[in-house]
Amino acid sequence: MDETKYWKINNLVLVDKRLESLAKEELLKKYEKIEDKLFEFANFMEARLVFLYTPISNAIIPTEKIIKKGLQIEKEIALPIFTYAKNAINIYKINNYDRDLVKNSNDVLEPDIKKCKKIPSENIDIAIIPGLAFDDKGGRIGFGNNFYTKLITKLPETCRKVSLAYEEQIVDQIQMESRKFTVDIIITDKRVIYKI
């Protein structure tokens, strides 16, 4: 096993153990702190177009409430549609959570392409990038499909790449091929981490 894979597995096991030790009520309180911090975060509040990930089962921080609250305060919200054959992400702007999302063949909510407008990644002001574990240098462990890793490199320089995480998801170090795949900021229930 190569060293990167070894570090990744160890970090994921550590994060899993930490999260399993928390009761549902604790996780909910932590989530609420993260959501509050996001909606107080200047980069988020000043952004016109916000990219968020859709509510997916393997994402640790859920986004349904964030998407709905963002739409209520008249943020422009963009969500992904994954094309597995080409291993690509297409981005669509939604206007209404209940009307503009449909379940795909994998039972994941995504924008309805008949109702939503496709937008280029260059238009995104802030992108909320999911992950399983993070370090204070902006390193992240994703879900293994590289969709978000590729997206990070396609976003404009001016776009803030932000991840939401429980403090328990922060580890000492994540081995990465390249620092061009890192996020800029991580918002946890305890602090806001700016990439070192």
C-alpha atoms as a PDB file:
ATOM      1  CA  MET A   1       0.000   0.000   0.000  1.00  0.00           C
ATOM      2  CA  ASP A   2       1.450   3.381  -0.963  1.00  0.00           C
ATOM      3  CA  GLU A   3       1.975   6.002   1.729  1.00  0.00           C
ATOM      4  CA  THR A   4      -0.807   8.341   0.515  1.00  0.00           C
ATOM      5  CA  LYS A   5      -3.383   5.552   0.653  1.00  0.00           C
ATOM      6  CA  TYR A   6      -2.164   4.534   4.117  1.00  0.00           C
ATOM      7  CA  TRP A   7      -2.551   8.117   5.442  1.00  0.00           C
ATOM      8  CA  LYS A   8      -5.983   8.438   3.833  1.00  0.00           C
ATOM      9  CA  ILE A   9      -7.318   5.231   5.400  1.00  0.00           C
ATOM     10  CA  ASN A  10      -5.898   6.135   8.837  1.00  0.00           C
ATOM     11  CA  ASN A  11      -7.445   9.613   8.689  1.00  0.00           C
ATOM     12  CA  LEU A  12     -10.850   8.262   7.629  1.00  0.00           C
ATOM     13  CA  VAL A  13     -10.835   5.657  10.409  1.00  0.00           C
ATOM     14  CA  LEU A  14      -9.959   8.373  12.938  1.00  0.00           C
ATOM     15  CA  VAL A  15     -12.750  10.684  11.709  1.00  0.00           C
ATOM     16  CA  ASP A  16     -15.283   7.816  11.709  1.00  0.00           C
ATOM     17  CA  LYS A  17     -14.417   6.932  15.324  1.00  0.00           C
ATOM     18  CA  ARG A  18     -14.739  10.551  16.428  1.00  0.00           C
ATOM     19  CA  LEU A  19     -18.100  11.048  14.702  1.00  0.00           C
ATOM     20  CA  GLU A  20     -19.508   7.738  15.947  1.00  0.00           C
ATOM     21  CA  SER A  21     -18.845   8.847  19.536  1.00  0.00           C
ATOM     22  CA  LEU A  22     -21.246  11.788  19.125  1.00  0.00           C
ATOM     23  CA  ALA A  23     -24.972  11.559  19.852  1.00  0.00           C
ATOM     24  CA  LYS A  24     -27.443  12.778  17.204  1.00  0.00           C
ATOM     25  CA  GLU A  25     -28.355  15.760  19.407  1.00  0.00           C
ATOM     26  CA  GLU A  26     -24.674  16.767  19.647  1.00  0.00           C
ATOM     27  CA  LEU A  27     -24.283  16.545  15.864  1.00  0.00           C
ATOM     28  CA  LEU A  28     -27.396  18.675  15.377  1.00  0.00           C
ATOM     29  CA  LYS A  29     -26.082  21.381  17.734  1.00  0.00           C
ATOM     30  CA  LYS A  30     -22.740  21.332  15.944  1.00  0.00           C
ATOM     31  CA  TYR A  31     -24.478  21.540  12.553  1.00  0.00           C
ATOM     32  CA  GLU A  32     -26.491  24.576  13.713  1.00  0.00           C
ATOM     33  CA  LYS A  33     -23.273  26.346  14.781  1.00  0.00           C
ATOM     34  CA  ILE A  34     -21.728  25.647  11.368  1.00  0.00           C
ATOM     35  CA  GLU A  35     -24.827  26.913   9.551  1.00  0.00           C
ATOM     36  CA  ASP A  36     -24.899  30.086  11.696  1.00  0.00           C
ATOM     37  CA  LYS A  37     -21.204  30.732  10.992  1.00  0.00           C
ATOM     38  CA  LEU A  38     -21.742  30.272   7.250  1.00  0.00           C
ATOM     39  CA  PHE A  39     -24.583  32.820   7.212  1.00  0.00           C
ATOM     40  CA  GLU A  40     -22.413  35.278   9.191  1.00  0.00           C
ATOM     41  CA  PHE A  41     -19.409  34.687   6.917  1.00  0.00           C
ATOM     42  CA  ALA A  42     -18.705  37.837   4.870  1.00  0.00           C
ATOM     43  CA  ASN A  43     -17.510  35.961   1.745  1.00  0.00           C
ATOM     44  CA  PHE A  44     -20.749  33.979   1.707  1.00  0.00           C
ATOM     45  CA  MET A  45     -23.041  36.928   2.417  1.00  0.00           C
ATOM     46  CA  GLU A  46     -21.361  39.130  -0.212  1.00  0.00           C
ATOM     47  CA  ALA A  47     -21.343  36.410  -2.884  1.00  0.00           C
ATOM     48  CA  ARG A  48     -23.922  36.707  -5.639  1.00  0.00           C
ATOM     49  CA  LEU A  49     -23.707  33.137  -6.997  1.00  0.00           C
ATOM     50  CA  VAL A  50     -23.115  30.308  -4.505  1.00  0.00           C
ATOM     51  CA  PHE A  51     -22.247  26.752  -5.533  1.00  0.00           C
ATOM     52  CA  LEU A  52     -23.469  24.112  -3.068  1.00  0.00           C
ATOM     53  CA  TYR A  53     -23.507  20.350  -3.218  1.00  0.00           C
ATOM     54  CA  THR A  54     -26.893  18.658  -3.286  1.00  0.00           C
ATOM     55  CA  PRO A  55     -28.080  16.653  -0.289  1.00  0.00           C
ATOM     56  CA  ILE A  56     -26.177  13.381  -0.735  1.00  0.00           C
ATOM     57  CA  SER A  57     -26.197  10.436   1.639  1.00  0.00           C
ATOM     58  CA  ASN A  58     -22.418  10.203   2.042  1.00  0.00           C
ATOM     59  CA  ALA A  59     -21.923  13.936   2.730  1.00  0.00           C
ATOM     60  CA  ILE A  60     -21.347  14.423   6.422  1.00  0.00           C
ATOM     61  CA  ILE A  61     -22.692  17.990   6.555  1.00  0.00           C
ATOM     62  CA  PRO A  62     -26.219  18.124   5.060  1.00  0.00           C
ATOM     63  CA  THR A  63     -27.104  21.051   2.767  1.00  0.00           C
ATOM     64  CA  GLU A  64     -30.889  21.039   2.389  1.00  0.00           C
ATOM     65  CA  LYS A  65     -31.490  23.732   5.047  1.00  0.00           C
ATOM     66  CA  ILE A  66     -28.574  25.836   3.762  1.00  0.00           C
ATOM     67  CA  ILE A  67     -29.880  25.738   0.179  1.00  0.00           C
ATOM     68  CA  LYS A  68     -33.418  26.679   1.276  1.00  0.00           C
ATOM     69  CA  LYS A  69     -32.191  29.465   3.576  1.00  0.00           C
ATOM     70  CA  GLY A  70     -29.891  30.767   0.809  1.00  0.00           C
ATOM     71  CA  LEU A  71     -32.817  30.941  -1.620  1.00  0.00           C
ATOM     72  CA  GLN A  72     -34.935  32.727   1.033  1.00  0.00           C
ATOM     73  CA  ILE A  73     -32.359  35.504   1.365  1.00  0.00           C
ATOM     74  CA  GLU A  74     -32.247  35.736  -2.435  1.00  0.00           C
ATOM     75  CA  LYS A  75     -28.857  34.177  -3.059  1.00  0.00           C
ATOM     76  CA  GLU A  76     -28.370  32.688  -6.494  1.00  0.00           C
ATOM     77  CA  ILE A  77     -27.799  28.979  -5.847  1.00  0.00           C
ATOM     78  CA  ALA A  78     -26.032  26.635  -8.257  1.00  0.00           C
ATOM     79  CA  LEU A  79     -25.959  22.848  -7.865  1.00  0.00           C
ATOM     80  CA  PRO A  80     -24.131  20.065  -9.704  1.00  0.00           C
ATOM     81  CA  ILE A  81     -25.219  17.334 -12.059  1.00  0.00           C
ATOM     82  CA  PHE A  82     -22.630  14.583 -12.388  1.00  0.00           C
ATOM     83  CA  THR A  83     -21.962  12.909 -15.710  1.00  0.00           C
ATOM     84  CA  TYR A  84     -20.376   9.608 -14.744  1.00  0.00           C
ATOM     85  CA  ALA A  85     -19.560   8.536 -18.311  1.00  0.00           C
ATOM     86  CA  LYS A  86     -17.363  11.628 -18.773  1.00  0.00           C
ATOM     87  CA  ASN A  87     -16.490  12.030 -15.072  1.00  0.00           C
ATOM     88  CA  ALA A  88     -17.632  15.660 -15.273  1.00  0.00           C
ATOM     89  CA  ILE A  89     -19.786  18.136 -13.371  1.00  0.00           C
ATOM     90  CA  ASN A  90     -22.345  20.382 -15.031  1.00  0.00           C
ATOM     91  CA  ILE A  91     -23.622  23.288 -12.949  1.00  0.00           C
ATOM     92  CA  TYR A  92     -27.202  24.551 -12.964  1.00  0.00           C
ATOM     93  CA  LYS A  93     -28.812  27.505 -11.186  1.00  0.00           C
ATOM     94  CA  ILE A  94     -31.975  26.702  -9.239  1.00  0.00           C
ATOM     95  CA  ASN A  95     -34.712  29.108  -8.135  1.00  0.00           C
ATOM     96  CA  ASN A  96     -36.911  26.863  -5.994  1.00  0.00           C
ATOM     97  CA  TYR A  97     -35.795  23.873  -3.901  1.00  0.00           C
ATOM     98  CA  ASP A  98     -39.049  21.923  -4.128  1.00  0.00           C
ATOM     99  CA  ARG A  99     -39.825  22.573  -7.805  1.00  0.00           C
ATOM    100  CA  ASP A 100     -36.369  22.621  -9.412  1.00  0.00           C
ATOM    101  CA  LEU A 101     -34.864  19.394  -8.040  1.00  0.00           C
ATOM    102  CA  VAL A 102     -35.522  15.849  -9.246  1.00  0.00           C
ATOM    103  CA  LYS A 103     -34.099  12.484  -8.180  1.00  0.00           C
ATOM    104  CA  ASN A 104     -31.641  10.922 -10.595  1.00  0.00           C
ATOM    105  CA  SER A 105     -31.164   7.188 -11.206  1.00  0.00           C
ATOM    106  CA  ASN A 106     -29.027   6.969  -8.035  1.00  0.00           C
ATOM    107  CA  ASP A 107     -31.791   8.562  -5.916  1.00  0.00           C
ATOM    108  CA  VAL A 108     -29.784  11.776  -5.526  1.00  0.00           C
ATOM    109  CA  LEU A 109     -31.505  15.141  -5.875  1.00  0.00           C
ATOM    110  CA  GLU A 110     -30.169  17.254  -8.715  1.00  0.00           C
ATOM    111  CA  PRO A 111     -31.353  20.234 -10.780  1.00  0.00           C
ATOM    112  CA  ASP A 112     -34.044  19.505 -13.364  1.00  0.00           C
ATOM    113  CA  ILE A 113     -32.353  20.454 -16.644  1.00  0.00           C
ATOM    114  CA  LYS A 114     -35.765  21.242 -18.179  1.00  0.00           C
ATOM    115  CA  LYS A 115     -36.344  24.009 -15.612  1.00  0.00           C
ATOM    116  CA  CYS A 116     -32.858  25.172 -14.642  1.00  0.00           C
ATOM    117  CA  LYS A 117     -30.260  27.199 -16.486  1.00  0.00           C
ATOM    118  CA  LYS A 118     -26.775  25.766 -17.046  1.00  0.00           C
ATOM    119  CA  ILE A 119     -24.042  28.144 -15.926  1.00  0.00           C
ATOM    120  CA  PRO A 120     -20.269  28.243 -16.415  1.00  0.00           C
ATOM    121  CA  SER A 121     -18.019  27.601 -13.408  1.00  0.00           C
ATOM    122  CA  GLU A 122     -16.343  31.004 -13.995  1.00  0.00           C
ATOM    123  CA  ASN A 123     -19.515  32.719 -12.702  1.00  0.00           C
ATOM    124  CA  ILE A 124     -19.292  31.180  -9.222  1.00  0.00           C
ATOM    125  CA  ASP A 125     -18.300  33.559  -6.409  1.00  0.00           C
ATOM    126  CA  ILE A 126     -18.084  31.011  -3.598  1.00  0.00           C
ATOM    127  CA  ALA A 127     -18.119  27.206  -3.768  1.00  0.00           C
ATOM    128  CA  ILE A 128     -19.027  24.958  -0.857  1.00  0.00           C
ATOM    129  CA  ILE A 129     -16.992  21.787  -1.398  1.00  0.00           C
ATOM    130  CA  PRO A 130     -17.859  18.589   0.522  1.00  0.00           C
ATOM    131  CA  GLY A 131     -15.323  16.231   2.038  1.00  0.00           C
ATOM    132  CA  LEU A 132     -14.803  13.479   4.580  1.00  0.00           C
ATOM    133  CA  ALA A 133     -11.688  14.869   6.315  1.00  0.00           C
ATOM    134  CA  PHE A 134      -9.613  18.068   6.181  1.00  0.00           C
ATOM    135  CA  ASP A 135      -6.368  19.538   7.484  1.00  0.00           C
ATOM    136  CA  ASP A 136      -5.492  23.151   8.331  1.00  0.00           C
ATOM    137  CA  LYS A 137      -3.629  23.561   5.032  1.00  0.00           C
ATOM    138  CA  GLY A 138      -6.896  23.142   3.109  1.00  0.00           C
ATOM    139  CA  GLY A 139      -6.205  19.497   2.276  1.00  0.00           C
ATOM    140  CA  ARG A 140      -9.297  17.341   1.893  1.00  0.00           C
ATOM    141  CA  ILE A 141     -10.235  13.725   1.440  1.00  0.00           C
ATOM    142  CA  GLY A 142     -13.154  13.468  -0.965  1.00  0.00           C
ATOM    143  CA  PHE A 143     -15.431  10.611  -1.940  1.00  0.00           C
ATOM    144  CA  GLY A 144     -13.064   8.893  -4.354  1.00  0.00           C
ATOM    145  CA  ASN A 145     -14.732   9.964  -7.603  1.00  0.00           C
ATOM    146  CA  ASN A 146     -12.590  13.126  -8.109  1.00  0.00           C
ATOM    147  CA  PHE A 147     -15.584  15.231  -9.240  1.00  0.00           C
ATOM    148  CA  TYR A 148     -14.955  17.959  -6.679  1.00  0.00           C
ATOM    149  CA  THR A 149     -11.176  17.729  -6.984  1.00  0.00           C
ATOM    150  CA  LYS A 150     -11.525  18.517 -10.704  1.00  0.00           C
ATOM    151  CA  LEU A 151     -14.063  21.260 -10.013  1.00  0.00           C
ATOM    152  CA  ILE A 152     -11.654  23.018  -7.613  1.00  0.00           C
ATOM    153  CA  THR A 153      -9.141  23.445 -10.451  1.00  0.00           C
ATOM    154  CA  LYS A 154     -11.825  24.814 -12.823  1.00  0.00           C
ATOM    155  CA  LEU A 155     -13.134  27.504 -10.489  1.00  0.00           C
ATOM    156  CA  PRO A 156     -11.863  31.057 -11.002  1.00  0.00           C
ATOM    157  CA  GLU A 157      -9.004  32.391  -8.838  1.00  0.00           C
ATOM    158  CA  THR A 158     -11.421  34.868  -7.266  1.00  0.00           C
ATOM    159  CA  CYS A 159     -13.827  32.118  -6.149  1.00  0.00           C
ATOM    160  CA  ARG A 160     -13.557  31.207  -2.466  1.00  0.00           C
ATOM    161  CA  LYS A 161     -13.461  27.436  -2.029  1.00  0.00           C
ATOM    162  CA  VAL A 162     -15.016  26.675   1.360  1.00  0.00           C
ATOM    163  CA  SER A 163     -15.741  23.418   3.166  1.00  0.00           C
ATOM    164  CA  LEU A 164     -18.107  22.861   6.075  1.00  0.00           C
ATOM    165  CA  ALA A 165     -16.965  20.312   8.652  1.00  0.00           C
ATOM    166  CA  TYR A 166     -17.427  19.157  12.188  1.00  0.00           C
ATOM    167  CA  GLU A 167     -14.327  19.811  14.282  1.00  0.00           C
ATOM    168  CA  GLU A 168     -13.994  16.002  14.479  1.00  0.00           C
ATOM    169  CA  GLN A 169     -13.259  15.920  10.721  1.00  0.00           C
ATOM    170  CA  ILE A 170     -10.069  17.976  11.119  1.00  0.00           C
ATOM    171  CA  VAL A 171      -6.918  15.839  11.124  1.00  0.00           C
ATOM    172  CA  ASP A 172      -3.224  16.706  11.492  1.00  0.00           C
ATOM    173  CA  GLN A 173      -2.222  16.147   7.887  1.00  0.00           C
ATOM    174  CA  ILE A 174      -3.652  14.937   4.602  1.00  0.00           C
ATOM    175  CA  GLN A 175      -1.209  13.678   1.997  1.00  0.00           C
ATOM    176  CA  MET A 176      -2.102  15.266  -1.351  1.00  0.00           C
ATOM    177  CA  GLU A 177      -0.681  14.967  -4.835  1.00  0.00           C
ATOM    178  CA  SER A 178      -0.890  18.710  -5.320  1.00  0.00           C
ATOM    179  CA  ARG A 179      -1.865  21.753  -3.285  1.00  0.00           C
ATOM    180  CA  LYS A 180      -3.892  23.026  -6.260  1.00  0.00           C
ATOM    181  CA  PHE A 181      -6.673  20.702  -5.040  1.00  0.00           C
ATOM    182  CA  THR A 182      -7.031  22.357  -1.620  1.00  0.00           C
ATOM    183  CA  VAL A 183      -9.877  24.477  -0.264  1.00  0.00           C
ATOM    184  CA  ASP A 184      -9.259  28.036   1.000  1.00  0.00           C
ATOM    185  CA  ILE A 185     -11.380  28.017   4.146  1.00  0.00           C
ATOM    186  CA  ILE A 186     -12.965  25.416   6.442  1.00  0.00           C
ATOM    187  CA  ILE A 187     -15.860  26.400   8.692  1.00  0.00           C
ATOM    188  CA  THR A 188     -16.292  24.103  11.696  1.00  0.00           C
ATOM    189  CA  ASP A 189     -18.551  24.257  14.725  1.00  0.00           C
ATOM    190  CA  LYS A 190     -15.598  25.681  16.725  1.00  0.00           C
ATOM    191  CA  ARG A 191     -13.633  27.914  14.319  1.00  0.00           C
ATOM    192  CA  VAL A 192     -12.998  29.226  10.838  1.00  0.00           C
ATOM    193  CA  ILE A 193      -9.752  27.826   9.438  1.00  0.00           C
ATOM    194  CA  TYR A 194      -7.955  29.839   6.768  1.00  0.00           C
ATOM    195  CA  LYS A 195      -5.527  27.797   4.701  1.00  0.00           C
ATOM    196  CA  ILE A 196      -1.966  28.214   5.997  1.00  0.00           C
END
